[in-house]
Amino acid sequence: MFFYDDEKKAEIRKKVYEHFELEDDVHTILYAPTFRNARNLDVYDIDYDRLIAAAEKRFGGRWVVINRYHFKLAHKLESVAVLKNNDRVLDGNSYSDIQELMLASDIGITDYSSWICDYILLGRPAFIYARDIEEYDGERGFYYPLESTPFAVAQNNDEMEANILNFDEDVFAAKQKKFLEDRGCIEDGHAAQRVVGLIRTVMCERK
């Protein structure tokens, strides 16, 4: 999906924007954190107003947040007042396909969810907001330290705001490139084509 041509990407973006009744010139932040075994809801305290203000100051234009909780927690957090009283915070759980939300979003933010590692294939700004790194590491662990990722990590709203305001496209692009290279990523939109070619080659050799 991330390697669709521009026309197909625009079609998906239009679909997402129509769902949320957004005007074309509005920019979107996808905030999609994961769950905790402890079900600690205090960790979902990201300050949406500061987040939006920082994005508008750093990148310009009008911004909204598409807030998409993990399905195991969505029912517990759906009554959060800010989601009901802030028209710039949209219910991302009302949209079924997170990949389409990713494709349509201009910034991605999570805590520990792996979708952010797919999101960097789009080359767009991405951040981590995680209040409970030590606790989560003890509970579930990480594949690799968060500081080894391209994403600026914030453990509170002050740091989250600063990370957005200080975002450097060139630095992020370099870290993104190294991160993907170090993990042997060869995603370029032609992976399926190469697999089919390999299968055909093997089949021909066996004839």
N, C-alpha and C. Protein backbone atom coordinates (compact mmCIF):
# COMPACT_ATOMS: atom_id res chain seq x y z
N MET A 1 0.82 -1.21 0.00
CA MET A 1 0.00 0.00 0.00
C MET A 1 0.85 1.26 0.00
N PHE A 2 1.96 1.24 0.73
CA PHE A 2 2.80 2.44 0.85
C PHE A 2 3.53 2.77 -0.45
N PHE A 3 3.49 1.83 -1.40
CA PHE A 3 4.17 2.06 -2.66
C PHE A 3 3.18 2.22 -3.82
N TYR A 4 1.93 2.49 -3.47
CA TYR A 4 0.96 2.81 -4.50
C TYR A 4 1.41 4.05 -5.28
N ASP A 5 0.89 4.19 -6.49
CA ASP A 5 1.20 5.40 -7.23
C ASP A 5 0.43 6.58 -6.62
N ASP A 6 0.78 7.78 -7.04
CA ASP A 6 0.22 8.99 -6.43
C ASP A 6 -1.30 9.04 -6.56
N GLU A 7 -1.81 8.55 -7.66
CA GLU A 7 -3.26 8.59 -7.87
C GLU A 7 -3.99 7.71 -6.86
N LYS A 8 -3.45 6.51 -6.62
CA LYS A 8 -4.07 5.60 -5.66
C LYS A 8 -3.95 6.15 -4.24
N LYS A 9 -2.80 6.73 -3.91
CA LYS A 9 -2.63 7.32 -2.59
C LYS A 9 -3.62 8.46 -2.37
N ALA A 10 -3.80 9.28 -3.38
CA ALA A 10 -4.74 10.40 -3.29
C ALA A 10 -6.17 9.89 -3.11
N GLU A 11 -6.48 8.78 -3.74
CA GLU A 11 -7.81 8.17 -3.62
C GLU A 11 -8.07 7.72 -2.18
N ILE A 12 -7.05 7.10 -1.56
CA ILE A 12 -7.20 6.64 -0.18
C ILE A 12 -7.30 7.83 0.77
N ARG A 13 -6.46 8.83 0.54
CA ARG A 13 -6.53 10.03 1.37
C ARG A 13 -7.91 10.68 1.29
N LYS A 14 -8.45 10.76 0.11
CA LYS A 14 -9.78 11.34 -0.08
C LYS A 14 -10.83 10.53 0.70
N LYS A 15 -10.70 9.22 0.66
CA LYS A 15 -11.62 8.34 1.39
C LYS A 15 -11.56 8.61 2.89
N VAL A 16 -10.33 8.70 3.43
CA VAL A 16 -10.16 8.97 4.85
C VAL A 16 -10.70 10.35 5.22
N TYR A 17 -10.38 11.35 4.41
CA TYR A 17 -10.82 12.70 4.70
C TYR A 17 -12.33 12.84 4.62
N GLU A 18 -12.94 12.13 3.72
CA GLU A 18 -14.40 12.17 3.63
C GLU A 18 -15.03 11.51 4.86
N HIS A 19 -14.41 10.45 5.35
CA HIS A 19 -14.92 9.78 6.54
C HIS A 19 -14.94 10.73 7.74
N PHE A 20 -13.87 11.51 7.89
CA PHE A 20 -13.77 12.42 9.03
C PHE A 20 -14.28 13.84 8.72
N GLU A 21 -14.80 14.02 7.51
CA GLU A 21 -15.34 15.31 7.07
C GLU A 21 -14.29 16.42 7.22
N LEU A 22 -13.10 16.14 6.69
CA LEU A 22 -12.00 17.09 6.76
C LEU A 22 -11.84 17.83 5.44
N GLU A 23 -11.47 19.09 5.53
CA GLU A 23 -11.17 19.86 4.33
C GLU A 23 -9.79 19.46 3.81
N ASP A 24 -9.58 19.65 2.53
CA ASP A 24 -8.36 19.16 1.89
C ASP A 24 -7.08 19.76 2.44
N ASP A 25 -7.16 21.00 2.95
CA ASP A 25 -5.94 21.67 3.39
C ASP A 25 -5.59 21.39 4.86
N VAL A 26 -6.34 20.54 5.51
CA VAL A 26 -6.06 20.18 6.90
C VAL A 26 -5.01 19.06 6.93
N HIS A 27 -4.06 19.16 7.85
CA HIS A 27 -3.04 18.13 8.04
C HIS A 27 -3.42 17.25 9.23
N THR A 28 -2.99 16.00 9.18
CA THR A 28 -3.41 15.06 10.22
C THR A 28 -2.23 14.41 10.94
N ILE A 29 -2.41 14.24 12.25
CA ILE A 29 -1.47 13.50 13.10
C ILE A 29 -2.18 12.21 13.52
N LEU A 30 -1.59 11.08 13.20
CA LEU A 30 -2.14 9.81 13.66
C LEU A 30 -1.48 9.44 14.98
N TYR A 31 -2.27 9.43 16.06
CA TYR A 31 -1.78 9.00 17.37
C TYR A 31 -2.43 7.65 17.67
N ALA A 32 -1.62 6.59 17.68
CA ALA A 32 -2.15 5.24 17.86
C ALA A 32 -1.24 4.45 18.80
N PRO A 33 -1.47 4.56 20.10
CA PRO A 33 -0.66 3.83 21.08
C PRO A 33 -1.14 2.39 21.23
N THR A 34 -0.30 1.56 21.84
CA THR A 34 -0.67 0.17 22.07
C THR A 34 -1.25 0.00 23.48
N PHE A 35 -1.45 -1.25 23.89
CA PHE A 35 -2.03 -1.52 25.21
C PHE A 35 -0.96 -1.94 26.19
N ARG A 36 -1.32 -2.01 27.46
CA ARG A 36 -0.44 -2.52 28.51
C ARG A 36 -1.15 -3.66 29.21
N ASN A 37 -0.37 -4.65 29.65
CA ASN A 37 -0.98 -5.72 30.42
C ASN A 37 -1.59 -5.19 31.70
N ALA A 38 -0.96 -4.16 32.27
CA ALA A 38 -1.45 -3.61 33.54
C ALA A 38 -2.70 -2.76 33.33
N ARG A 39 -3.04 -2.49 32.07
CA ARG A 39 -4.21 -1.66 31.75
C ARG A 39 -4.14 -0.30 32.44
N ASN A 40 -2.95 0.27 32.49
CA ASN A 40 -2.76 1.58 33.12
C ASN A 40 -3.17 2.67 32.14
N LEU A 41 -4.27 3.32 32.41
CA LEU A 41 -4.79 4.33 31.50
C LEU A 41 -4.11 5.68 31.66
N ASP A 42 -3.34 5.85 32.73
CA ASP A 42 -2.67 7.14 32.96
C ASP A 42 -1.61 7.43 31.90
N VAL A 43 -1.14 6.40 31.21
CA VAL A 43 -0.07 6.61 30.23
C VAL A 43 -0.59 7.25 28.95
N TYR A 44 -1.89 7.33 28.79
CA TYR A 44 -2.48 7.93 27.58
C TYR A 44 -2.86 9.39 27.84
N ASP A 45 -1.91 10.14 28.35
CA ASP A 45 -2.21 11.52 28.78
C ASP A 45 -1.62 12.55 27.83
N ILE A 46 -1.40 12.19 26.57
CA ILE A 46 -0.82 13.12 25.62
C ILE A 46 -1.70 14.37 25.54
N ASP A 47 -1.07 15.53 25.51
CA ASP A 47 -1.79 16.80 25.49
C ASP A 47 -2.08 17.18 24.04
N TYR A 48 -3.30 16.94 23.61
CA TYR A 48 -3.66 17.16 22.21
C TYR A 48 -3.53 18.61 21.79
N ASP A 49 -3.91 19.52 22.64
CA ASP A 49 -3.84 20.94 22.28
C ASP A 49 -2.40 21.38 22.08
N ARG A 50 -1.51 20.97 22.97
CA ARG A 50 -0.10 21.32 22.80
C ARG A 50 0.50 20.63 21.58
N LEU A 51 0.07 19.42 21.34
CA LEU A 51 0.53 18.66 20.17
C LEU A 51 0.16 19.37 18.88
N ILE A 52 -1.08 19.79 18.78
CA ILE A 52 -1.56 20.48 17.58
C ILE A 52 -0.87 21.84 17.43
N ALA A 53 -0.75 22.56 18.53
CA ALA A 53 -0.11 23.88 18.48
C ALA A 53 1.34 23.77 18.03
N ALA A 54 2.04 22.76 18.52
CA ALA A 54 3.44 22.56 18.14
C ALA A 54 3.56 22.22 16.66
N ALA A 55 2.67 21.36 16.16
CA ALA A 55 2.70 20.99 14.74
C ALA A 55 2.41 22.20 13.87
N GLU A 56 1.47 23.02 14.29
CA GLU A 56 1.15 24.22 13.50
C GLU A 56 2.30 25.21 13.50
N LYS A 57 2.99 25.31 14.63
CA LYS A 57 4.12 26.23 14.70
C LYS A 57 5.30 25.73 13.89
N ARG A 58 5.57 24.43 13.95
CA ARG A 58 6.74 23.87 13.26
C ARG A 58 6.52 23.69 11.76
N PHE A 59 5.34 23.20 11.40
CA PHE A 59 5.11 22.83 10.00
C PHE A 59 4.14 23.76 9.26
N GLY A 60 3.42 24.58 10.01
CA GLY A 60 2.46 25.49 9.39
C GLY A 60 1.15 24.79 9.04
N GLY A 61 0.15 25.59 8.73
CA GLY A 61 -1.14 25.05 8.34
C GLY A 61 -2.01 24.65 9.52
N ARG A 62 -3.17 24.06 9.20
CA ARG A 62 -4.11 23.60 10.21
C ARG A 62 -3.94 22.11 10.44
N TRP A 63 -4.05 21.70 11.70
CA TRP A 63 -3.81 20.31 12.06
C TRP A 63 -4.92 19.74 12.94
N VAL A 64 -5.15 18.44 12.81
CA VAL A 64 -6.03 17.71 13.72
C VAL A 64 -5.33 16.41 14.10
N VAL A 65 -5.81 15.78 15.16
CA VAL A 65 -5.28 14.48 15.59
C VAL A 65 -6.33 13.41 15.32
N ILE A 66 -5.91 12.34 14.66
CA ILE A 66 -6.74 11.14 14.55
C ILE A 66 -6.28 10.20 15.65
N ASN A 67 -7.11 10.05 16.66
CA ASN A 67 -6.76 9.30 17.85
C ASN A 67 -7.30 7.87 17.73
N ARG A 68 -6.39 6.90 17.64
CA ARG A 68 -6.83 5.51 17.45
C ARG A 68 -6.22 4.62 18.53
N TYR A 69 -7.04 4.29 19.54
CA TYR A 69 -6.57 3.42 20.61
C TYR A 69 -6.54 1.96 20.17
N HIS A 70 -5.73 1.16 20.87
CA HIS A 70 -5.71 -0.28 20.64
C HIS A 70 -7.11 -0.83 20.93
N PHE A 71 -7.53 -1.80 20.13
CA PHE A 71 -8.91 -2.28 20.24
C PHE A 71 -9.23 -2.86 21.62
N LYS A 72 -8.20 -3.33 22.34
CA LYS A 72 -8.44 -3.89 23.67
C LYS A 72 -8.74 -2.81 24.71
N LEU A 73 -8.44 -1.56 24.36
CA LEU A 73 -8.64 -0.46 25.31
C LEU A 73 -9.64 0.58 24.82
N ALA A 74 -9.99 0.52 23.57
CA ALA A 74 -10.83 1.57 22.99
C ALA A 74 -12.12 1.76 23.78
N HIS A 75 -12.75 0.67 24.21
CA HIS A 75 -14.03 0.79 24.91
C HIS A 75 -13.88 1.43 26.28
N LYS A 76 -12.66 1.32 26.87
CA LYS A 76 -12.43 1.92 28.18
C LYS A 76 -12.11 3.41 28.07
N LEU A 77 -11.61 3.80 26.90
CA LEU A 77 -11.16 5.18 26.74
C LEU A 77 -12.08 6.01 25.84
N GLU A 78 -13.12 5.39 25.32
CA GLU A 78 -13.98 6.11 24.38
C GLU A 78 -14.74 7.26 25.03
N SER A 79 -14.85 7.23 26.36
CA SER A 79 -15.56 8.29 27.04
C SER A 79 -14.65 9.41 27.52
N VAL A 80 -13.35 9.34 27.15
CA VAL A 80 -12.42 10.40 27.56
C VAL A 80 -12.96 11.75 27.09
N ALA A 81 -13.02 12.68 28.01
CA ALA A 81 -13.69 13.95 27.73
C ALA A 81 -13.12 14.68 26.53
N VAL A 82 -11.80 14.65 26.38
CA VAL A 82 -11.18 15.43 25.31
C VAL A 82 -11.63 14.95 23.94
N LEU A 83 -11.93 13.66 23.82
CA LEU A 83 -12.38 13.13 22.54
C LEU A 83 -13.78 13.59 22.20
N LYS A 84 -14.55 13.91 23.23
CA LYS A 84 -15.92 14.34 23.01
C LYS A 84 -16.03 15.86 22.90
N ASN A 85 -15.09 16.57 23.48
CA ASN A 85 -15.21 18.03 23.58
C ASN A 85 -14.24 18.80 22.71
N ASN A 86 -13.36 18.12 22.00
CA ASN A 86 -12.38 18.79 21.16
C ASN A 86 -12.60 18.38 19.71
N ASP A 87 -13.07 19.30 18.89
CA ASP A 87 -13.40 18.95 17.51
C ASP A 87 -12.17 18.76 16.64
N ARG A 88 -10.97 18.95 17.22
CA ARG A 88 -9.74 18.71 16.47
C ARG A 88 -9.09 17.39 16.88
N VAL A 89 -9.78 16.61 17.69
CA VAL A 89 -9.35 15.26 18.05
C VAL A 89 -10.42 14.30 17.56
N LEU A 90 -10.08 13.49 16.58
CA LEU A 90 -11.05 12.65 15.89
C LEU A 90 -10.94 11.19 16.33
N ASP A 91 -12.05 10.50 16.29
CA ASP A 91 -12.11 9.11 16.74
C ASP A 91 -11.59 8.17 15.65
N GLY A 92 -10.33 7.83 15.74
CA GLY A 92 -9.72 6.95 14.75
C GLY A 92 -10.24 5.53 14.81
N ASN A 93 -10.85 5.13 15.93
CA ASN A 93 -11.40 3.79 16.03
C ASN A 93 -12.68 3.63 15.21
N SER A 94 -13.19 4.74 14.70
CA SER A 94 -14.36 4.66 13.83
C SER A 94 -13.98 4.29 12.40
N TYR A 95 -12.67 4.22 12.13
CA TYR A 95 -12.17 3.85 10.80
C TYR A 95 -11.46 2.52 10.91
N SER A 96 -11.82 1.56 10.09
CA SER A 96 -11.40 0.18 10.31
C SER A 96 -9.96 -0.12 9.90
N ASP A 97 -9.43 0.58 8.92
CA ASP A 97 -8.13 0.20 8.35
C ASP A 97 -7.03 1.17 8.77
N ILE A 98 -6.16 0.71 9.68
CA ILE A 98 -5.10 1.61 10.17
C ILE A 98 -4.08 1.90 9.08
N GLN A 99 -3.89 0.98 8.14
CA GLN A 99 -2.93 1.25 7.07
C GLN A 99 -3.39 2.42 6.21
N GLU A 100 -4.68 2.53 5.98
CA GLU A 100 -5.18 3.67 5.22
C GLU A 100 -5.05 4.95 6.04
N LEU A 101 -5.23 4.87 7.34
CA LEU A 101 -5.02 6.04 8.20
C LEU A 101 -3.56 6.46 8.15
N MET A 102 -2.65 5.50 8.15
CA MET A 102 -1.23 5.80 8.06
C MET A 102 -0.91 6.50 6.74
N LEU A 103 -1.45 5.97 5.66
CA LEU A 103 -1.18 6.52 4.35
C LEU A 103 -1.69 7.95 4.21
N ALA A 104 -2.79 8.25 4.92
CA ALA A 104 -3.41 9.57 4.81
C ALA A 104 -2.84 10.59 5.80
N SER A 105 -2.06 10.14 6.78
CA SER A 105 -1.59 11.02 7.84
C SER A 105 -0.24 11.66 7.51
N ASP A 106 -0.03 12.85 8.05
CA ASP A 106 1.20 13.61 7.79
C ASP A 106 2.25 13.41 8.87
N ILE A 107 1.82 13.02 10.06
CA ILE A 107 2.72 12.73 11.18
C ILE A 107 2.19 11.49 11.88
N GLY A 108 3.11 10.64 12.35
CA GLY A 108 2.73 9.47 13.12
C GLY A 108 3.30 9.51 14.52
N ILE A 109 2.48 9.15 15.49
CA ILE A 109 2.94 9.09 16.89
C ILE A 109 2.40 7.82 17.54
N THR A 110 3.27 7.07 18.20
CA THR A 110 2.84 5.92 18.98
C THR A 110 3.70 5.85 20.23
N ASP A 111 3.53 4.78 20.98
CA ASP A 111 4.43 4.52 22.10
C ASP A 111 5.33 3.34 21.73
N TYR A 112 4.73 2.14 21.65
CA TYR A 112 5.53 0.96 21.36
C TYR A 112 4.95 0.11 20.22
N SER A 113 3.95 0.61 19.55
CA SER A 113 3.33 -0.19 18.51
C SER A 113 4.22 -0.29 17.27
N SER A 114 4.24 -1.47 16.65
CA SER A 114 5.15 -1.70 15.52
C SER A 114 4.71 -1.00 14.24
N TRP A 115 3.50 -0.46 14.20
CA TRP A 115 3.05 0.19 12.97
C TRP A 115 3.96 1.35 12.60
N ILE A 116 4.60 1.94 13.59
CA ILE A 116 5.45 3.11 13.32
C ILE A 116 6.66 2.72 12.46
N CYS A 117 7.09 1.45 12.56
CA CYS A 117 8.22 0.99 11.75
C CYS A 117 7.82 0.76 10.30
N ASP A 118 6.54 0.55 10.05
CA ASP A 118 6.04 0.53 8.67
C ASP A 118 5.86 1.96 8.17
N TYR A 119 5.43 2.81 9.07
CA TYR A 119 5.13 4.20 8.70
C TYR A 119 6.36 4.93 8.15
N ILE A 120 7.54 4.59 8.65
CA ILE A 120 8.73 5.32 8.18
C ILE A 120 9.04 5.05 6.71
N LEU A 121 8.43 4.00 6.14
CA LEU A 121 8.61 3.78 4.71
C LEU A 121 8.01 4.92 3.89
N LEU A 122 7.12 5.70 4.50
CA LEU A 122 6.53 6.86 3.83
C LEU A 122 7.43 8.08 3.91
N GLY A 123 8.45 8.04 4.78
CA GLY A 123 9.38 9.15 4.90
C GLY A 123 8.82 10.36 5.61
N ARG A 124 7.77 10.18 6.39
CA ARG A 124 7.13 11.31 7.06
C ARG A 124 7.56 11.37 8.53
N PRO A 125 7.43 12.54 9.16
CA PRO A 125 7.83 12.67 10.56
C PRO A 125 7.10 11.66 11.45
N ALA A 126 7.84 11.08 12.39
CA ALA A 126 7.25 10.10 13.30
C ALA A 126 7.93 10.25 14.66
N PHE A 127 7.14 10.06 15.71
CA PHE A 127 7.61 10.29 17.07
C PHE A 127 7.09 9.20 18.01
N ILE A 128 7.76 9.11 19.16
CA ILE A 128 7.31 8.20 20.21
C ILE A 128 6.97 9.01 21.46
N TYR A 129 5.78 8.75 22.00
CA TYR A 129 5.37 9.33 23.28
C TYR A 129 5.12 8.18 24.24
N ALA A 130 6.01 8.00 25.21
CA ALA A 130 5.95 6.84 26.09
C ALA A 130 6.35 7.23 27.51
N ARG A 131 5.37 7.28 28.38
CA ARG A 131 5.63 7.68 29.77
C ARG A 131 6.26 6.58 30.60
N ASP A 132 6.09 5.34 30.19
CA ASP A 132 6.40 4.21 31.07
C ASP A 132 7.40 3.24 30.44
N ILE A 133 8.48 3.77 29.92
CA ILE A 133 9.43 2.94 29.19
C ILE A 133 10.01 1.82 30.06
N GLU A 134 10.46 2.14 31.25
CA GLU A 134 11.06 1.11 32.10
C GLU A 134 10.04 0.04 32.48
N GLU A 135 8.83 0.47 32.82
CA GLU A 135 7.80 -0.48 33.20
C GLU A 135 7.43 -1.39 32.03
N TYR A 136 7.29 -0.79 30.84
CA TYR A 136 6.90 -1.58 29.67
C TYR A 136 8.02 -2.54 29.27
N ASP A 137 9.26 -2.09 29.39
CA ASP A 137 10.40 -2.95 29.07
C ASP A 137 10.41 -4.16 30.00
N GLY A 138 10.11 -3.94 31.27
CA GLY A 138 10.06 -5.05 32.22
C GLY A 138 8.88 -5.97 31.98
N GLU A 139 7.79 -5.39 31.49
CA GLU A 139 6.56 -6.16 31.27
C GLU A 139 6.60 -6.98 29.99
N ARG A 140 7.04 -6.33 28.89
CA ARG A 140 6.97 -6.98 27.58
C ARG A 140 8.31 -7.01 26.85
N GLY A 141 9.18 -6.04 27.14
CA GLY A 141 10.48 -5.97 26.49
C GLY A 141 10.40 -5.36 25.10
N PHE A 142 11.57 -5.05 24.52
CA PHE A 142 11.65 -4.45 23.20
C PHE A 142 12.51 -5.32 22.29
N TYR A 143 12.24 -5.23 21.00
CA TYR A 143 13.10 -5.90 20.03
C TYR A 143 14.49 -5.26 20.02
N TYR A 144 14.52 -3.94 20.19
CA TYR A 144 15.77 -3.18 20.24
C TYR A 144 15.48 -1.89 21.00
N PRO A 145 16.49 -1.27 21.59
CA PRO A 145 16.27 -0.06 22.39
C PRO A 145 15.60 1.05 21.57
N LEU A 146 14.71 1.78 22.19
CA LEU A 146 14.00 2.85 21.48
C LEU A 146 14.96 3.91 20.96
N GLU A 147 16.06 4.12 21.67
CA GLU A 147 16.99 5.15 21.23
C GLU A 147 17.73 4.74 19.95
N SER A 148 17.62 3.48 19.55
CA SER A 148 18.25 3.05 18.30
C SER A 148 17.33 3.27 17.10
N THR A 149 16.12 3.72 17.34
CA THR A 149 15.18 4.00 16.26
C THR A 149 15.37 5.44 15.78
N PRO A 150 14.78 5.79 14.64
CA PRO A 150 14.91 7.18 14.16
C PRO A 150 14.01 8.16 14.92
N PHE A 151 13.14 7.64 15.78
CA PHE A 151 12.11 8.46 16.38
C PHE A 151 12.56 9.14 17.66
N ALA A 152 12.32 10.44 17.74
CA ALA A 152 12.59 11.16 18.97
C ALA A 152 11.62 10.66 20.04
N VAL A 153 12.15 10.34 21.21
CA VAL A 153 11.34 9.75 22.28
C VAL A 153 11.02 10.80 23.34
N ALA A 154 9.74 10.89 23.70
CA ALA A 154 9.31 11.80 24.77
C ALA A 154 8.65 10.98 25.87
N GLN A 155 8.97 11.34 27.12
CA GLN A 155 8.34 10.67 28.26
C GLN A 155 7.37 11.56 28.99
N ASN A 156 7.20 12.79 28.47
CA ASN A 156 6.19 13.70 29.03
C ASN A 156 5.82 14.70 27.95
N ASN A 157 4.83 15.51 28.23
CA ASN A 157 4.32 16.43 27.21
C ASN A 157 5.28 17.57 26.90
N ASP A 158 6.11 17.95 27.85
CA ASP A 158 7.13 18.97 27.56
C ASP A 158 8.10 18.46 26.50
N GLU A 159 8.55 17.23 26.68
CA GLU A 159 9.49 16.64 25.72
C GLU A 159 8.82 16.41 24.36
N MET A 160 7.55 16.01 24.39
CA MET A 160 6.83 15.78 23.14
C MET A 160 6.74 17.07 22.33
N GLU A 161 6.39 18.15 23.00
CA GLU A 161 6.30 19.45 22.33
C GLU A 161 7.66 19.87 21.76
N ALA A 162 8.70 19.70 22.55
CA ALA A 162 10.05 20.09 22.11
C ALA A 162 10.51 19.26 20.93
N ASN A 163 10.19 17.97 20.93
CA ASN A 163 10.61 17.10 19.82
C ASN A 163 9.97 17.52 18.50
N ILE A 164 8.73 17.96 18.56
CA ILE A 164 8.08 18.42 17.34
C ILE A 164 8.64 19.77 16.89
N LEU A 165 8.79 20.68 17.82
CA LEU A 165 9.30 22.01 17.47
C LEU A 165 10.72 21.94 16.93
N ASN A 166 11.50 20.99 17.40
CA ASN A 166 12.91 20.88 17.00
C ASN A 166 13.13 19.84 15.90
N PHE A 167 12.07 19.35 15.30
CA PHE A 167 12.21 18.31 14.28
C PHE A 167 13.05 18.79 13.11
N ASP A 168 14.04 17.97 12.73
CA ASP A 168 14.95 18.28 11.63
C ASP A 168 14.77 17.21 10.55
N GLU A 169 14.27 17.60 9.38
CA GLU A 169 13.99 16.64 8.31
C GLU A 169 15.24 15.88 7.87
N ASP A 170 16.37 16.59 7.75
CA ASP A 170 17.60 15.95 7.27
C ASP A 170 18.13 14.93 8.27
N VAL A 171 18.12 15.29 9.53
CA VAL A 171 18.58 14.38 10.58
C VAL A 171 17.70 13.14 10.62
N PHE A 172 16.39 13.36 10.56
CA PHE A 172 15.45 12.24 10.60
C PHE A 172 15.64 11.32 9.39
N ALA A 173 15.80 11.91 8.22
CA ALA A 173 15.98 11.12 6.99
C ALA A 173 17.23 10.25 7.07
N ALA A 174 18.32 10.81 7.62
CA ALA A 174 19.56 10.05 7.76
C ALA A 174 19.39 8.89 8.74
N LYS A 175 18.72 9.15 9.86
CA LYS A 175 18.48 8.10 10.85
C LYS A 175 17.55 7.03 10.30
N GLN A 176 16.56 7.47 9.55
CA GLN A 176 15.62 6.54 8.94
C GLN A 176 16.35 5.60 7.97
N LYS A 177 17.20 6.17 7.14
CA LYS A 177 17.95 5.39 6.15
C LYS A 177 18.84 4.35 6.85
N LYS A 178 19.54 4.77 7.88
CA LYS A 178 20.43 3.85 8.61
C LYS A 178 19.62 2.76 9.30
N PHE A 179 18.52 3.13 9.91
CA PHE A 179 17.67 2.17 10.62
C PHE A 179 17.21 1.06 9.67
N LEU A 180 16.76 1.44 8.49
CA LEU A 180 16.27 0.46 7.52
C LEU A 180 17.41 -0.38 6.95
N GLU A 181 18.53 0.26 6.68
CA GLU A 181 19.67 -0.48 6.14
C GLU A 181 20.21 -1.48 7.15
N ASP A 182 20.31 -1.07 8.41
CA ASP A 182 20.83 -1.96 9.45
C ASP A 182 19.97 -3.21 9.63
N ARG A 183 18.70 -3.10 9.30
CA ARG A 183 17.79 -4.23 9.46
C ARG A 183 17.51 -4.97 8.16
N GLY A 184 18.30 -4.63 7.15
CA GLY A 184 18.20 -5.36 5.90
C GLY A 184 16.93 -5.11 5.11
N CYS A 185 16.36 -3.94 5.30
CA CYS A 185 15.12 -3.62 4.59
C CYS A 185 15.39 -3.43 3.10
N ILE A 186 14.62 -4.12 2.28
CA ILE A 186 14.75 -3.96 0.83
C ILE A 186 13.40 -3.57 0.22
N GLU A 187 12.54 -2.99 1.04
CA GLU A 187 11.22 -2.57 0.57
C GLU A 187 11.37 -1.42 -0.44
N ASP A 188 10.86 -1.67 -1.63
CA ASP A 188 10.90 -0.62 -2.64
C ASP A 188 9.68 -0.64 -3.55
N GLY A 189 8.67 -1.42 -3.14
CA GLY A 189 7.47 -1.51 -3.94
C GLY A 189 7.48 -2.63 -4.96
N HIS A 190 8.59 -3.37 -5.04
CA HIS A 190 8.70 -4.44 -6.04
C HIS A 190 9.01 -5.79 -5.41
N ALA A 191 8.79 -5.91 -4.12
CA ALA A 191 9.12 -7.15 -3.41
C ALA A 191 8.32 -8.33 -3.97
N ALA A 192 7.02 -8.16 -4.16
CA ALA A 192 6.19 -9.25 -4.67
C ALA A 192 6.64 -9.66 -6.07
N GLN A 193 7.02 -8.66 -6.86
CA GLN A 193 7.49 -8.94 -8.22
C GLN A 193 8.74 -9.81 -8.18
N ARG A 194 9.65 -9.51 -7.26
CA ARG A 194 10.88 -10.30 -7.15
C ARG A 194 10.59 -11.72 -6.67
N VAL A 195 9.65 -11.85 -5.73
CA VAL A 195 9.29 -13.18 -5.23
C VAL A 195 8.70 -14.03 -6.34
N VAL A 196 7.80 -13.44 -7.12
CA VAL A 196 7.21 -14.18 -8.24
C VAL A 196 8.28 -14.58 -9.25
N GLY A 197 9.22 -13.67 -9.50
CA GLY A 197 10.31 -13.98 -10.42
C GLY A 197 11.15 -15.13 -9.93
N LEU A 198 11.42 -15.14 -8.62
CA LEU A 198 12.21 -16.23 -8.04
C LEU A 198 11.47 -17.55 -8.15
N ILE A 199 10.17 -17.53 -7.86
CA ILE A 199 9.37 -18.76 -7.96
C ILE A 199 9.40 -19.31 -9.39
N ARG A 200 9.23 -18.42 -10.34
CA ARG A 200 9.26 -18.85 -11.74
C ARG A 200 10.61 -19.44 -12.13
N THR A 201 11.68 -18.81 -11.64
CA THR A 201 13.03 -19.30 -11.93
C THR A 201 13.22 -20.70 -11.37
N VAL A 202 12.81 -20.91 -10.12
CA VAL A 202 12.95 -22.22 -9.48
C VAL A 202 12.12 -23.26 -10.22
N MET A 203 10.90 -22.88 -10.61
CA MET A 203 10.03 -23.82 -11.31
C MET A 203 10.62 -24.22 -12.67
N CYS A 204 11.20 -23.24 -13.35
CA CYS A 204 11.81 -23.53 -14.65
C CYS A 204 13.03 -24.43 -14.50
N GLU A 205 13.80 -24.23 -13.43
CA GLU A 205 15.00 -25.03 -13.22
C GLU A 205 14.65 -26.49 -12.92
N ARG A 206 13.48 -26.70 -12.34
CA ARG A 206 13.09 -28.06 -11.96
C ARG A 206 12.45 -28.83 -13.12
N LYS A 207 12.10 -28.13 -14.18
CA LYS A 207 11.49 -28.81 -15.33
C LYS A 207 12.53 -29.63 -16.09
